[in-house]
Amino acid sequence: GHVSAGFVKGFGLQRGAIASTVGHDSHNICAVGVNDADMIVAVNRLAEIEGGFVVVGGGEVLAEIALPIAGLMSLDSYDTVRGKLKLLRAAAKELGSTLEEPFLQIAFLPLPVIPHLKITDRGMVDVDRFHFVDF
């Protein structure tokens, strides 16, 4: 497969990483973090749980939700998922996230049909001009 990397701001993370398989429209893995080691742990954990959301700090998984159905849906009950979402958000805040819904933000980071710059598995897309950005 293809891999892309880029810099993003606005998540507020001071340490650790968050990662998700919910990344519209292709639903590839997307990770945001302050260091490679935690991003690697997060991505590897997503592979182990067959998709979902993961928060990692100091090389340890702090919170997760497994979404083993296409990396998008859980086998758990609504109440269980709701509880895990609260833990996930709290763990992201512990890492410094200033966002109410950091996993909603990460879900739209690779969506190349809404403005302005998006990171896809094929590279950075300038959605306003509908072309890939060369560096």
N, C-alpha and C. Protein backbone atom coordinates (compact mmCIF):
# COMPACT_ATOMS: atom_id res chain seq x y z
N GLY A 1 0.81 -1.19 0.00
CA GLY A 1 0.00 0.00 0.00
C GLY A 1 0.85 1.25 0.00
N HIS A 2 0.20 2.34 -0.04
CA HIS A 2 0.84 3.65 -0.04
C HIS A 2 0.82 4.24 1.37
N VAL A 3 1.84 5.00 1.68
CA VAL A 3 1.94 5.67 2.97
C VAL A 3 2.27 7.13 2.72
N SER A 4 1.61 8.02 3.43
CA SER A 4 1.91 9.44 3.37
C SER A 4 2.12 9.96 4.78
N ALA A 5 2.89 11.02 4.89
CA ALA A 5 3.13 11.65 6.18
C ALA A 5 3.10 13.15 5.98
N GLY A 6 2.69 13.85 7.01
CA GLY A 6 2.65 15.30 6.94
C GLY A 6 2.55 15.87 8.34
N PHE A 7 2.57 17.17 8.42
CA PHE A 7 2.46 17.86 9.69
C PHE A 7 1.06 18.44 9.81
N VAL A 8 0.48 18.28 11.00
CA VAL A 8 -0.81 18.89 11.28
C VAL A 8 -0.70 19.65 12.60
N LYS A 9 -1.57 20.62 12.77
CA LYS A 9 -1.61 21.34 14.04
C LYS A 9 -3.06 21.47 14.47
N GLY A 10 -3.24 21.85 15.70
CA GLY A 10 -4.59 22.07 16.21
C GLY A 10 -5.12 20.97 17.11
N PHE A 11 -4.39 19.88 17.23
CA PHE A 11 -4.83 18.80 18.12
C PHE A 11 -4.44 19.09 19.57
N GLY A 12 -3.42 19.88 19.77
CA GLY A 12 -3.00 20.26 21.12
C GLY A 12 -2.19 19.22 21.86
N LEU A 13 -1.87 18.12 21.22
CA LEU A 13 -1.13 17.06 21.92
C LEU A 13 0.22 17.58 22.41
N GLN A 14 0.52 17.28 23.66
CA GLN A 14 1.80 17.63 24.25
C GLN A 14 2.72 16.42 24.34
N ARG A 15 2.09 15.23 24.29
CA ARG A 15 2.84 13.97 24.31
C ARG A 15 1.95 12.89 23.72
N GLY A 16 2.54 11.76 23.36
CA GLY A 16 1.77 10.61 22.91
C GLY A 16 1.24 10.71 21.51
N ALA A 17 0.24 9.86 21.25
CA ALA A 17 -0.35 9.77 19.91
C ALA A 17 -1.77 9.24 19.99
N ILE A 18 -2.55 9.58 18.97
CA ILE A 18 -3.87 8.99 18.78
C ILE A 18 -3.90 8.44 17.36
N ALA A 19 -4.67 7.38 17.17
CA ALA A 19 -4.75 6.78 15.84
C ALA A 19 -6.13 6.17 15.65
N SER A 20 -6.53 6.07 14.37
CA SER A 20 -7.88 5.62 14.05
C SER A 20 -7.91 4.95 12.68
N THR A 21 -8.84 4.03 12.53
CA THR A 21 -9.13 3.46 11.21
C THR A 21 -10.36 4.11 10.60
N VAL A 22 -10.98 5.02 11.32
CA VAL A 22 -12.12 5.76 10.78
C VAL A 22 -11.55 7.04 10.17
N GLY A 23 -11.31 7.00 8.86
CA GLY A 23 -10.72 8.13 8.15
C GLY A 23 -11.38 8.22 6.79
N HIS A 24 -12.38 9.05 6.70
CA HIS A 24 -13.21 9.11 5.50
C HIS A 24 -12.40 9.54 4.27
N ASP A 25 -12.62 9.10 3.15
CA ASP A 25 -13.55 8.08 2.68
C ASP A 25 -12.90 6.71 2.54
N SER A 26 -11.61 6.64 2.55
CA SER A 26 -10.92 5.37 2.30
C SER A 26 -10.74 4.51 3.54
N HIS A 27 -10.84 5.12 4.71
CA HIS A 27 -10.71 4.43 5.99
C HIS A 27 -9.38 3.72 6.14
N ASN A 28 -8.33 4.41 5.73
CA ASN A 28 -6.98 3.95 6.01
C ASN A 28 -6.61 4.40 7.42
N ILE A 29 -5.57 3.84 7.96
CA ILE A 29 -5.13 4.24 9.29
C ILE A 29 -4.59 5.66 9.23
N CYS A 30 -4.97 6.45 10.22
CA CYS A 30 -4.48 7.81 10.34
C CYS A 30 -4.01 7.99 11.79
N ALA A 31 -2.80 8.49 11.96
CA ALA A 31 -2.24 8.70 13.29
C ALA A 31 -1.73 10.13 13.42
N VAL A 32 -1.92 10.70 14.60
CA VAL A 32 -1.42 12.03 14.92
C VAL A 32 -0.67 11.89 16.24
N GLY A 33 0.53 12.43 16.30
CA GLY A 33 1.28 12.31 17.54
C GLY A 33 2.47 13.22 17.58
N VAL A 34 3.13 13.23 18.73
CA VAL A 34 4.29 14.09 18.90
C VAL A 34 5.60 13.32 18.78
N ASN A 35 5.52 11.98 18.67
CA ASN A 35 6.75 11.21 18.48
C ASN A 35 6.44 9.93 17.71
N ASP A 36 7.43 9.49 16.96
CA ASP A 36 7.27 8.29 16.13
C ASP A 36 6.98 7.04 16.95
N ALA A 37 7.65 6.90 18.09
CA ALA A 37 7.51 5.67 18.88
C ALA A 37 6.07 5.44 19.31
N ASP A 38 5.40 6.48 19.81
CA ASP A 38 4.01 6.32 20.24
C ASP A 38 3.08 6.12 19.05
N MET A 39 3.37 6.78 17.93
CA MET A 39 2.54 6.57 16.74
C MET A 39 2.67 5.13 16.25
N ILE A 40 3.87 4.57 16.32
CA ILE A 40 4.07 3.17 15.91
C ILE A 40 3.30 2.23 16.82
N VAL A 41 3.36 2.46 18.13
CA VAL A 41 2.60 1.63 19.07
C VAL A 41 1.11 1.72 18.75
N ALA A 42 0.62 2.93 18.48
CA ALA A 42 -0.80 3.12 18.19
C ALA A 42 -1.22 2.38 16.91
N VAL A 43 -0.43 2.52 15.87
CA VAL A 43 -0.76 1.87 14.59
C VAL A 43 -0.70 0.35 14.73
N ASN A 44 0.31 -0.15 15.41
CA ASN A 44 0.41 -1.60 15.62
C ASN A 44 -0.76 -2.13 16.44
N ARG A 45 -1.18 -1.35 17.43
CA ARG A 45 -2.33 -1.79 18.24
C ARG A 45 -3.60 -1.82 17.39
N LEU A 46 -3.77 -0.86 16.51
CA LEU A 46 -4.93 -0.88 15.62
C LEU A 46 -4.95 -2.16 14.79
N ALA A 47 -3.79 -2.58 14.33
CA ALA A 47 -3.70 -3.83 13.55
C ALA A 47 -4.11 -5.02 14.42
N GLU A 48 -3.65 -5.03 15.67
CA GLU A 48 -3.96 -6.14 16.58
C GLU A 48 -5.45 -6.25 16.88
N ILE A 49 -6.11 -5.11 17.05
CA ILE A 49 -7.55 -5.13 17.40
C ILE A 49 -8.44 -5.06 16.16
N GLU A 50 -7.83 -5.13 15.00
CA GLU A 50 -8.54 -5.13 13.71
C GLU A 50 -9.33 -3.85 13.46
N GLY A 51 -8.74 -2.74 13.86
CA GLY A 51 -9.34 -1.44 13.61
C GLY A 51 -9.95 -0.84 14.85
N GLY A 52 -10.10 0.49 14.80
CA GLY A 52 -10.71 1.19 15.92
C GLY A 52 -10.06 2.52 16.21
N PHE A 53 -10.06 2.86 17.49
CA PHE A 53 -9.46 4.09 18.00
C PHE A 53 -8.47 3.72 19.10
N VAL A 54 -7.33 4.39 19.14
CA VAL A 54 -6.31 4.10 20.15
C VAL A 54 -5.67 5.40 20.62
N VAL A 55 -5.41 5.47 21.93
CA VAL A 55 -4.65 6.56 22.53
C VAL A 55 -3.43 5.93 23.21
N VAL A 56 -2.24 6.47 22.90
CA VAL A 56 -0.99 5.92 23.43
C VAL A 56 -0.18 7.04 24.06
N GLY A 57 0.40 6.77 25.21
CA GLY A 57 1.31 7.70 25.86
C GLY A 57 2.45 6.95 26.50
N GLY A 58 3.67 7.39 26.28
CA GLY A 58 4.82 6.74 26.86
C GLY A 58 4.98 5.29 26.46
N GLY A 59 4.56 4.97 25.25
CA GLY A 59 4.69 3.61 24.75
C GLY A 59 3.62 2.65 25.23
N GLU A 60 2.65 3.15 26.00
CA GLU A 60 1.58 2.32 26.55
C GLU A 60 0.23 2.73 25.98
N VAL A 61 -0.62 1.74 25.71
CA VAL A 61 -1.99 2.02 25.28
C VAL A 61 -2.76 2.50 26.50
N LEU A 62 -3.28 3.72 26.42
CA LEU A 62 -4.04 4.31 27.52
C LEU A 62 -5.53 4.04 27.40
N ALA A 63 -6.01 3.96 26.18
CA ALA A 63 -7.44 3.69 25.93
C ALA A 63 -7.59 3.22 24.50
N GLU A 64 -8.65 2.43 24.27
CA GLU A 64 -8.90 1.94 22.92
C GLU A 64 -10.34 1.50 22.78
N ILE A 65 -10.79 1.50 21.55
CA ILE A 65 -12.07 0.90 21.18
C ILE A 65 -11.79 0.06 19.94
N ALA A 66 -12.08 -1.21 20.03
CA ALA A 66 -11.93 -2.10 18.88
C ALA A 66 -13.14 -1.95 17.96
N LEU A 67 -12.86 -1.80 16.67
CA LEU A 67 -13.90 -1.73 15.65
C LEU A 67 -13.57 -2.79 14.59
N PRO A 68 -13.77 -4.06 14.92
CA PRO A 68 -13.33 -5.14 14.05
C PRO A 68 -14.16 -5.36 12.78
N ILE A 69 -15.29 -4.73 12.69
CA ILE A 69 -16.10 -4.86 11.47
C ILE A 69 -15.68 -3.75 10.51
N ALA A 70 -14.82 -4.11 9.57
CA ALA A 70 -14.29 -3.18 8.56
C ALA A 70 -13.53 -2.01 9.17
N GLY A 71 -13.11 -2.11 10.42
CA GLY A 71 -12.43 -1.01 11.08
C GLY A 71 -13.34 0.15 11.40
N LEU A 72 -14.66 -0.09 11.32
CA LEU A 72 -15.65 0.97 11.46
C LEU A 72 -16.71 0.71 12.52
N MET A 73 -16.97 -0.57 12.81
CA MET A 73 -18.07 -0.90 13.71
C MET A 73 -17.62 -1.85 14.81
N SER A 74 -18.24 -1.68 15.97
CA SER A 74 -17.91 -2.49 17.14
C SER A 74 -18.86 -3.66 17.28
N LEU A 75 -18.40 -4.68 17.96
CA LEU A 75 -19.25 -5.81 18.32
C LEU A 75 -19.86 -5.61 19.70
N ASP A 76 -19.41 -4.57 20.40
CA ASP A 76 -19.90 -4.28 21.75
C ASP A 76 -21.24 -3.57 21.73
N SER A 77 -21.89 -3.56 22.88
CA SER A 77 -23.18 -2.88 23.02
C SER A 77 -22.98 -1.36 22.97
N TYR A 78 -24.06 -0.66 22.74
CA TYR A 78 -24.04 0.81 22.73
C TYR A 78 -23.46 1.35 24.03
N ASP A 79 -23.95 0.83 25.15
CA ASP A 79 -23.50 1.33 26.45
C ASP A 79 -22.01 1.09 26.67
N THR A 80 -21.52 -0.06 26.23
CA THR A 80 -20.09 -0.36 26.36
C THR A 80 -19.26 0.59 25.51
N VAL A 81 -19.67 0.80 24.27
CA VAL A 81 -18.94 1.71 23.38
C VAL A 81 -18.98 3.13 23.92
N ARG A 82 -20.13 3.54 24.41
CA ARG A 82 -20.27 4.89 24.97
C ARG A 82 -19.30 5.09 26.14
N GLY A 83 -19.21 4.10 27.01
CA GLY A 83 -18.27 4.18 28.13
C GLY A 83 -16.83 4.23 27.67
N LYS A 84 -16.49 3.43 26.68
CA LYS A 84 -15.12 3.43 26.15
C LYS A 84 -14.79 4.75 25.46
N LEU A 85 -15.78 5.36 24.81
CA LEU A 85 -15.56 6.67 24.18
C LEU A 85 -15.21 7.73 25.22
N LYS A 86 -15.88 7.68 26.36
CA LYS A 86 -15.56 8.63 27.44
C LYS A 86 -14.12 8.45 27.91
N LEU A 87 -13.71 7.19 28.07
CA LEU A 87 -12.33 6.91 28.48
C LEU A 87 -11.33 7.36 27.41
N LEU A 88 -11.69 7.16 26.15
CA LEU A 88 -10.84 7.55 25.03
C LEU A 88 -10.63 9.06 25.01
N ARG A 89 -11.72 9.81 25.15
CA ARG A 89 -11.63 11.27 25.16
C ARG A 89 -10.79 11.75 26.34
N ALA A 90 -11.02 11.15 27.51
CA ALA A 90 -10.26 11.54 28.71
C ALA A 90 -8.77 11.26 28.52
N ALA A 91 -8.44 10.13 27.93
CA ALA A 91 -7.04 9.79 27.69
C ALA A 91 -6.40 10.77 26.71
N ALA A 92 -7.13 11.16 25.68
CA ALA A 92 -6.61 12.15 24.72
C ALA A 92 -6.39 13.49 25.42
N LYS A 93 -7.28 13.86 26.30
CA LYS A 93 -7.11 15.11 27.06
C LYS A 93 -5.88 15.04 27.96
N GLU A 94 -5.62 13.85 28.54
CA GLU A 94 -4.43 13.66 29.37
C GLU A 94 -3.15 13.93 28.57
N LEU A 95 -3.20 13.66 27.29
CA LEU A 95 -2.05 13.91 26.41
C LEU A 95 -1.95 15.36 25.98
N GLY A 96 -2.96 16.17 26.36
CA GLY A 96 -2.95 17.58 26.03
C GLY A 96 -3.93 18.00 24.96
N SER A 97 -4.69 17.05 24.41
CA SER A 97 -5.63 17.41 23.35
C SER A 97 -6.59 18.48 23.83
N THR A 98 -6.76 19.49 23.01
CA THR A 98 -7.67 20.58 23.33
C THR A 98 -9.01 20.43 22.62
N LEU A 99 -9.16 19.36 21.87
CA LEU A 99 -10.37 19.14 21.08
C LEU A 99 -11.41 18.34 21.87
N GLU A 100 -12.66 18.73 21.72
CA GLU A 100 -13.75 17.96 22.34
C GLU A 100 -13.83 16.57 21.75
N GLU A 101 -13.67 16.48 20.44
CA GLU A 101 -13.79 15.21 19.71
C GLU A 101 -12.58 14.99 18.81
N PRO A 102 -11.42 14.65 19.38
CA PRO A 102 -10.23 14.50 18.54
C PRO A 102 -10.37 13.41 17.48
N PHE A 103 -11.18 12.39 17.76
CA PHE A 103 -11.31 11.32 16.77
C PHE A 103 -12.25 11.71 15.63
N LEU A 104 -13.10 12.68 15.85
CA LEU A 104 -13.90 13.22 14.76
C LEU A 104 -13.00 14.05 13.84
N GLN A 105 -12.10 14.81 14.44
CA GLN A 105 -11.15 15.60 13.64
C GLN A 105 -10.24 14.71 12.81
N ILE A 106 -9.74 13.66 13.42
CA ILE A 106 -8.83 12.77 12.69
C ILE A 106 -9.57 12.03 11.57
N ALA A 107 -10.88 11.82 11.75
CA ALA A 107 -11.67 11.11 10.73
C ALA A 107 -11.79 11.92 9.44
N PHE A 108 -11.73 13.24 9.56
CA PHE A 108 -11.88 14.08 8.37
C PHE A 108 -10.54 14.60 7.83
N LEU A 109 -9.46 14.31 8.52
CA LEU A 109 -8.14 14.72 8.05
C LEU A 109 -7.80 14.17 6.66
N PRO A 110 -8.17 12.92 6.34
CA PRO A 110 -7.84 12.40 5.00
C PRO A 110 -8.96 12.52 3.97
N LEU A 111 -10.03 13.24 4.27
CA LEU A 111 -11.18 13.31 3.35
C LEU A 111 -10.92 14.36 2.27
N PRO A 112 -10.58 13.93 1.05
CA PRO A 112 -10.14 14.86 0.01
C PRO A 112 -11.27 15.52 -0.79
N VAL A 113 -12.40 15.75 -0.16
CA VAL A 113 -13.48 16.44 -0.86
C VAL A 113 -13.98 17.65 -0.07
N ILE A 114 -13.35 17.94 1.08
CA ILE A 114 -13.70 19.13 1.84
C ILE A 114 -12.42 19.95 2.05
N PRO A 115 -12.54 21.29 2.04
CA PRO A 115 -11.36 22.15 2.09
C PRO A 115 -10.51 21.90 3.35
N HIS A 116 -9.30 22.16 3.26
CA HIS A 116 -8.47 22.76 2.23
C HIS A 116 -7.35 21.77 1.85
N LEU A 117 -6.47 21.48 2.78
CA LEU A 117 -5.42 20.49 2.52
C LEU A 117 -5.75 19.20 3.24
N LYS A 118 -5.60 18.09 2.55
CA LYS A 118 -5.89 16.77 3.14
C LYS A 118 -4.74 15.82 2.87
N ILE A 119 -4.50 14.92 3.81
CA ILE A 119 -3.45 13.92 3.66
C ILE A 119 -4.11 12.59 3.31
N THR A 120 -3.78 12.08 2.13
CA THR A 120 -4.31 10.78 1.70
C THR A 120 -3.16 9.80 1.57
N ASP A 121 -3.48 8.55 1.30
CA ASP A 121 -2.42 7.56 1.10
C ASP A 121 -1.64 7.80 -0.19
N ARG A 122 -2.11 8.69 -1.02
CA ARG A 122 -1.43 9.02 -2.28
C ARG A 122 -0.67 10.34 -2.19
N GLY A 123 -0.77 11.04 -1.07
CA GLY A 123 -0.06 12.30 -0.88
C GLY A 123 -0.97 13.40 -0.39
N MET A 124 -0.40 14.59 -0.31
CA MET A 124 -1.15 15.77 0.14
C MET A 124 -1.99 16.30 -1.01
N VAL A 125 -3.27 16.57 -0.72
CA VAL A 125 -4.20 17.05 -1.74
C VAL A 125 -4.63 18.48 -1.40
N ASP A 126 -4.50 19.37 -2.37
CA ASP A 126 -5.07 20.71 -2.27
C ASP A 126 -6.48 20.59 -2.82
N VAL A 127 -7.44 20.49 -1.93
CA VAL A 127 -8.83 20.25 -2.34
C VAL A 127 -9.40 21.44 -3.08
N ASP A 128 -8.99 22.64 -2.71
CA ASP A 128 -9.50 23.84 -3.37
C ASP A 128 -9.15 23.87 -4.86
N ARG A 129 -7.97 23.33 -5.21
CA ARG A 129 -7.53 23.33 -6.60
C ARG A 129 -7.60 21.94 -7.23
N PHE A 130 -8.00 20.94 -6.44
CA PHE A 130 -8.14 19.56 -6.91
C PHE A 130 -6.87 19.02 -7.57
N HIS A 131 -5.75 19.13 -6.84
CA HIS A 131 -4.52 18.51 -7.32
C HIS A 131 -3.62 18.16 -6.14
N PHE A 132 -2.68 17.26 -6.42
CA PHE A 132 -1.72 16.87 -5.40
C PHE A 132 -0.68 17.97 -5.23
N VAL A 133 -0.23 18.16 -4.01
CA VAL A 133 0.77 19.17 -3.69
C VAL A 133 2.15 18.54 -3.80
N ASP A 134 3.03 19.19 -4.55
CA ASP A 134 4.42 18.74 -4.68
C ASP A 134 5.27 19.46 -3.65
N PHE A 135 6.19 18.73 -3.06
CA PHE A 135 7.11 19.33 -2.09
C PHE A 135 8.51 19.27 -2.60
